[in-house]
Amino acid sequence: MTVTPTLDLGAMNVLNRATHRTVLITGVSKGLGKALALEMAKRGHTVIGCSRSRDKLNSLQAELSSASSSSQSDSNPSSSDKHLLMDVDVKSNSSVEEFARAVMEKKGVPDIIVNNAGTINKNNRLWEVPVEEFDTVIDTNVKGIANMLRHFIPLMIENKQGIIVNLSSGWGRSAAAQVAPYCASKWAVEGLTRSVAKELPNGVAIVALNPGVINTDMLASCFGSSASLYQTPESWAPKAATMILNLTMADNGASLSV
């Protein structure tokens, strides 16, 4: 009874590894987003990225071009305009709407979207977290993803295919003191993902992905100097890229971990 899906999944996985993809990554200017973008470019895929940091995007554009030029699978001799990076605030619905319009005009519908943009509150008990800080966590981590889904899912549905990856966290499946706003936001990501999965038509899939414990600025804000004991984004990216590129419709609604 399990023969057919096993064969289908294997065939799709082979196709995923061999086919050029257009991968959109939010929060692409640093940390996991940047490392994943460079890994995808190195493998010959086209990267669409957004961030609020224009200076970092300018620097990343050159790095992506360099990574593409060194890729054996990139047949385009000029990779300077292969990737698209834009200054976007995912918290703003209008900013994301404009981003979606520009992406369609310049690159078409992405094959994969990785909703990576996120932030965390400074360690504090909930009642001592400033209102503005709490709002920023929820607006970025939850509303930011909702804004992306609102404007890109209809494009994927019309295109009849697409994979969406919402970055969750171990704290989206457990809890910890001092980071209640962040935990709440990532639990919301898990619930949002499972609900949207039930609304999608065949051909489009969405998953929640826990990246694991990685030495990023966000981890350092919680763990301090002990964050350096964990793996770097650069060592994480190859494993994450392989996993993301091999996602299929069979994974729709899943809560996965790298």
Protein backbone atom coordinates (compact mmCIF):
# COMPACT_ATOMS: atom_id res chain seq x y z
CA MET A 1 0.00 0.00 0.00
CA THR A 2 2.97 2.32 0.44
CA VAL A 3 4.75 1.49 -2.83
CA THR A 4 3.19 4.19 -4.97
CA PRO A 5 3.86 7.24 -2.73
CA THR A 6 7.39 6.03 -2.07
CA LEU A 7 8.14 5.88 -5.79
CA ASP A 8 6.49 9.24 -6.46
CA LEU A 9 8.39 10.90 -3.65
CA GLY A 10 11.70 9.51 -4.82
CA ALA A 11 11.11 10.67 -8.37
CA MET A 12 10.17 14.15 -7.17
CA ASN A 13 13.26 14.29 -4.97
CA VAL A 14 15.52 13.49 -7.92
CA LEU A 15 13.78 16.19 -9.93
CA ASN A 16 14.21 18.68 -7.08
CA ARG A 17 17.94 18.07 -6.92
CA ALA A 18 18.40 18.42 -10.68
CA THR A 19 16.12 21.34 -11.48
CA HIS A 20 17.00 25.01 -11.28
CA ARG A 21 14.80 26.74 -8.71
CA THR A 22 13.94 30.31 -7.83
CA VAL A 23 14.11 30.63 -4.04
CA LEU A 24 12.73 33.64 -2.17
CA ILE A 25 14.15 34.22 1.32
CA THR A 26 13.04 36.93 3.74
CA GLY A 27 15.44 38.36 6.33
CA VAL A 28 18.25 37.62 3.90
CA SER A 29 20.87 40.17 5.02
CA LYS A 30 22.36 38.18 7.93
CA GLY A 31 22.29 34.97 9.95
CA LEU A 32 20.39 31.97 8.64
CA GLY A 33 18.85 33.89 5.74
CA LYS A 34 22.18 35.03 4.36
CA ALA A 35 23.85 31.65 4.80
CA LEU A 36 20.95 29.88 3.08
CA ALA A 37 20.92 32.40 0.23
CA LEU A 38 24.62 31.92 -0.46
CA GLU A 39 24.24 28.14 -0.33
CA MET A 40 21.38 28.23 -2.82
CA ALA A 41 23.36 30.51 -5.14
CA LYS A 42 26.37 28.22 -4.87
CA ARG A 43 24.16 25.36 -6.07
CA GLY A 44 23.12 27.36 -9.12
CA HIS A 45 19.67 28.46 -7.96
CA THR A 46 18.29 31.98 -8.33
CA VAL A 47 17.83 33.88 -5.08
CA ILE A 48 15.22 36.54 -4.41
CA GLY A 49 15.80 38.17 -1.05
CA CYS A 50 14.50 40.96 1.11
CA SER A 51 15.62 42.77 4.22
CA ARG A 52 15.36 46.21 5.81
CA SER A 53 19.16 46.70 5.65
CA ARG A 54 20.05 48.30 2.29
CA ASP A 55 23.79 48.41 2.98
CA LYS A 56 23.92 44.71 3.80
CA LEU A 57 21.87 43.90 0.72
CA ASN A 58 24.36 45.73 -1.49
CA SER A 59 27.18 43.66 -0.03
CA LEU A 60 25.21 40.43 -0.34
CA GLN A 61 24.43 41.10 -4.00
CA ALA A 62 28.15 40.90 -4.80
CA GLU A 63 28.57 37.75 -2.69
CA LEU A 64 25.67 36.04 -4.44
CA SER A 65 27.07 36.91 -7.86
CA SER A 66 30.43 35.47 -6.82
CA ALA A 67 28.82 32.30 -5.50
CA SER A 68 26.84 31.87 -8.73
CA SER A 69 29.93 32.42 -10.89
CA SER A 70 31.71 29.59 -9.09
CA SER A 71 28.75 27.23 -9.48
CA GLN A 72 29.27 24.50 -12.04
CA SER A 73 25.53 24.24 -12.59
CA ASP A 74 25.16 27.94 -13.50
CA SER A 75 25.19 28.15 -17.30
CA ASN A 76 24.67 31.93 -17.32
CA PRO A 77 28.06 33.59 -17.88
CA SER A 78 26.80 36.86 -16.38
CA SER A 79 25.35 36.36 -12.90
CA SER A 80 25.33 40.02 -11.85
CA ASP A 81 21.59 40.31 -12.48
CA LYS A 82 20.63 36.72 -11.72
CA HIS A 83 19.54 37.47 -8.16
CA LEU A 84 17.07 40.05 -6.93
CA LEU A 85 17.45 41.75 -3.53
CA MET A 86 15.03 44.38 -2.28
CA ASP A 87 14.56 46.59 0.76
CA VAL A 88 11.31 45.31 2.27
CA ASP A 89 9.70 45.49 5.72
CA VAL A 90 7.64 42.30 6.10
CA LYS A 91 5.72 43.92 8.97
CA SER A 92 4.16 46.26 6.41
CA ASN A 93 1.44 44.76 4.23
CA SER A 94 1.90 47.49 1.61
CA SER A 95 5.67 46.91 1.51
CA VAL A 96 5.14 43.18 0.90
CA GLU A 97 2.46 43.92 -1.71
CA GLU A 98 4.92 46.11 -3.62
CA PHE A 99 7.59 43.44 -3.24
CA ALA A 100 5.30 40.77 -4.72
CA ARG A 101 4.53 43.02 -7.68
CA ALA A 102 8.24 43.64 -8.34
CA VAL A 103 9.09 39.95 -8.03
CA MET A 104 6.45 39.04 -10.59
CA GLU A 105 7.70 41.68 -13.02
CA LYS A 106 11.37 40.75 -12.73
CA LYS A 107 11.55 37.06 -11.83
CA GLY A 108 8.10 35.49 -11.99
CA VAL A 109 6.56 33.23 -9.35
CA PRO A 110 9.13 31.79 -6.91
CA ASP A 111 9.36 28.00 -6.71
CA ILE A 112 10.17 28.12 -3.00
CA ILE A 113 9.57 30.77 -0.35
CA VAL A 114 11.45 30.67 2.96
CA ASN A 115 9.85 32.96 5.53
CA ASN A 116 12.96 33.46 7.63
CA ALA A 117 12.67 37.08 8.81
CA GLY A 118 12.30 37.15 12.57
CA THR A 119 13.25 38.83 15.80
CA ILE A 120 13.28 38.09 19.53
CA ASN A 121 12.65 40.07 22.68
CA LYS A 122 15.42 40.87 25.13
CA ASN A 123 15.39 38.37 27.99
CA ASN A 124 12.69 39.55 30.37
CA ARG A 125 9.61 38.44 32.25
CA LEU A 126 6.51 39.05 30.15
CA TRP A 127 5.15 41.86 32.31
CA GLU A 128 8.48 43.66 32.02
CA VAL A 129 8.74 43.43 28.22
CA PRO A 130 8.02 46.90 26.76
CA VAL A 131 4.82 47.06 24.72
CA GLU A 132 6.70 48.21 21.63
CA GLU A 133 9.11 45.29 21.88
CA PHE A 134 6.29 42.77 22.25
CA ASP A 135 4.51 44.27 19.23
CA THR A 136 7.68 44.12 17.11
CA VAL A 137 8.11 40.39 17.81
CA ILE A 138 4.51 39.56 16.94
CA ASP A 139 4.37 41.92 13.95
CA THR A 140 7.59 40.50 12.46
CA ASN A 141 7.31 36.82 13.29
CA VAL A 142 3.58 36.31 12.79
CA LYS A 143 2.11 39.19 10.80
CA GLY A 144 5.22 39.28 8.59
CA ILE A 145 4.59 35.69 7.51
CA ALA A 146 0.87 36.37 7.07
CA ASN A 147 1.68 39.32 4.80
CA MET A 148 3.94 37.14 2.67
CA LEU A 149 1.33 34.40 2.42
CA ARG A 150 -1.41 36.90 1.57
CA HIS A 151 0.43 38.18 -1.49
CA PHE A 152 2.39 35.16 -2.71
CA ILE A 153 0.06 32.19 -2.20
CA PRO A 154 -2.41 33.41 -4.87
CA LEU A 155 0.52 33.63 -7.32
CA MET A 156 1.61 30.08 -6.52
CA ILE A 157 -1.96 28.82 -6.82
CA GLU A 158 -2.28 30.41 -10.25
CA ASN A 159 1.06 28.86 -11.18
CA LYS A 160 -0.21 25.50 -9.84
CA GLN A 161 2.95 24.81 -7.84
CA GLY A 162 5.09 26.07 -4.97
CA ILE A 163 6.68 25.23 -1.63
CA ILE A 164 6.51 27.55 1.39
CA VAL A 165 8.76 27.12 4.42
CA ASN A 166 7.92 29.05 7.58
CA LEU A 167 10.84 29.09 9.99
CA SER A 168 9.65 28.07 13.40
CA SER A 169 11.75 27.19 16.44
CA GLY A 170 12.20 24.61 19.15
CA TRP A 171 10.45 27.26 21.23
CA GLY A 172 7.48 26.97 18.88
CA ARG A 173 6.99 23.46 20.26
CA SER A 174 8.13 24.02 23.85
CA ALA A 175 8.51 26.97 26.22
CA ALA A 176 11.14 28.89 28.15
CA ALA A 177 11.21 31.70 30.69
CA GLN A 178 12.27 35.20 29.63
CA VAL A 179 11.25 34.73 25.97
CA ALA A 180 7.46 34.44 26.20
CA PRO A 181 6.77 36.84 23.28
CA TYR A 182 9.11 34.87 21.02
CA CYS A 183 7.67 31.52 22.11
CA ALA A 184 4.14 32.82 21.53
CA SER A 185 5.08 34.00 18.04
CA LYS A 186 6.63 30.69 17.03
CA TRP A 187 3.74 28.66 18.43
CA ALA A 188 1.58 30.91 16.25
CA VAL A 189 3.76 30.07 13.23
CA GLU A 190 3.16 26.37 13.85
CA GLY A 191 -0.61 26.82 14.11
CA LEU A 192 -0.77 29.19 11.16
CA THR A 193 1.17 26.74 9.00
CA ARG A 194 -1.02 23.75 9.86
CA SER A 195 -4.21 25.72 9.22
CA VAL A 196 -3.06 27.17 5.89
CA ALA A 197 -1.95 23.70 4.79
CA LYS A 198 -5.60 22.63 4.95
CA GLU A 199 -6.60 25.53 2.70
CA LEU A 200 -4.09 24.99 -0.11
CA PRO A 201 -4.99 23.28 -3.38
CA ASN A 202 -2.99 20.41 -4.80
CA GLY A 203 0.39 21.57 -6.08
CA VAL A 204 1.18 24.02 -3.29
CA ALA A 205 2.56 22.93 0.08
CA ILE A 206 3.54 24.69 3.30
CA VAL A 207 5.65 23.47 6.23
CA ALA A 208 6.95 24.76 9.55
CA LEU A 209 10.68 24.21 9.90
CA ASN A 210 12.62 24.30 13.15
CA PRO A 211 16.20 25.18 12.11
CA GLY A 212 17.71 23.91 15.35
CA VAL A 213 19.98 25.81 17.72
CA ILE A 214 22.32 27.98 15.64
CA ASN A 215 24.88 30.60 16.69
CA THR A 216 23.12 33.74 15.47
CA ASP A 217 22.65 37.23 16.90
CA MET A 218 19.26 36.14 18.24
CA LEU A 219 20.76 33.18 20.07
CA ALA A 220 23.47 35.39 21.52
CA SER A 221 20.81 37.73 22.89
CA CYS A 222 19.40 34.78 24.88
CA PHE A 223 22.43 32.63 25.62
CA GLY A 224 25.19 35.24 25.79
CA SER A 225 28.71 33.96 25.14
CA SER A 226 27.60 30.31 25.29
CA ALA A 227 25.93 30.83 21.89
CA SER A 228 29.37 30.26 20.38
CA LEU A 229 29.19 26.61 21.44
CA TYR A 230 26.59 25.94 18.75
CA GLN A 231 26.97 25.46 15.00
CA THR A 232 27.35 28.45 12.71
CA PRO A 233 24.82 29.44 10.05
CA GLU A 234 27.41 28.51 7.41
CA SER A 235 27.65 24.92 8.68
CA TRP A 236 23.86 24.70 8.98
CA ALA A 237 23.03 26.00 5.51
CA PRO A 238 24.05 22.98 3.38
CA LYS A 239 21.87 20.62 5.44
CA ALA A 240 18.97 23.06 5.41
CA ALA A 241 19.24 23.72 1.67
CA THR A 242 19.19 20.03 0.83
CA MET A 243 16.16 19.48 3.04
CA ILE A 244 14.26 22.45 1.63
CA LEU A 245 15.01 21.57 -2.00
CA ASN A 246 13.69 18.06 -1.41
CA LEU A 247 10.34 19.05 0.09
CA THR A 248 7.29 17.76 -1.79
CA MET A 249 3.50 17.90 -1.63
CA ALA A 250 3.67 14.93 0.75
CA ASP A 251 5.15 17.26 3.38
CA ASN A 252 2.23 19.71 3.35
CA GLY A 253 1.33 20.77 6.90
CA ALA A 254 4.31 19.06 8.50
CA SER A 255 6.36 20.35 11.42
CA LEU A 256 9.93 19.49 10.47
CA SER A 257 13.40 20.01 11.92
CA VAL A 258 16.78 20.37 10.24
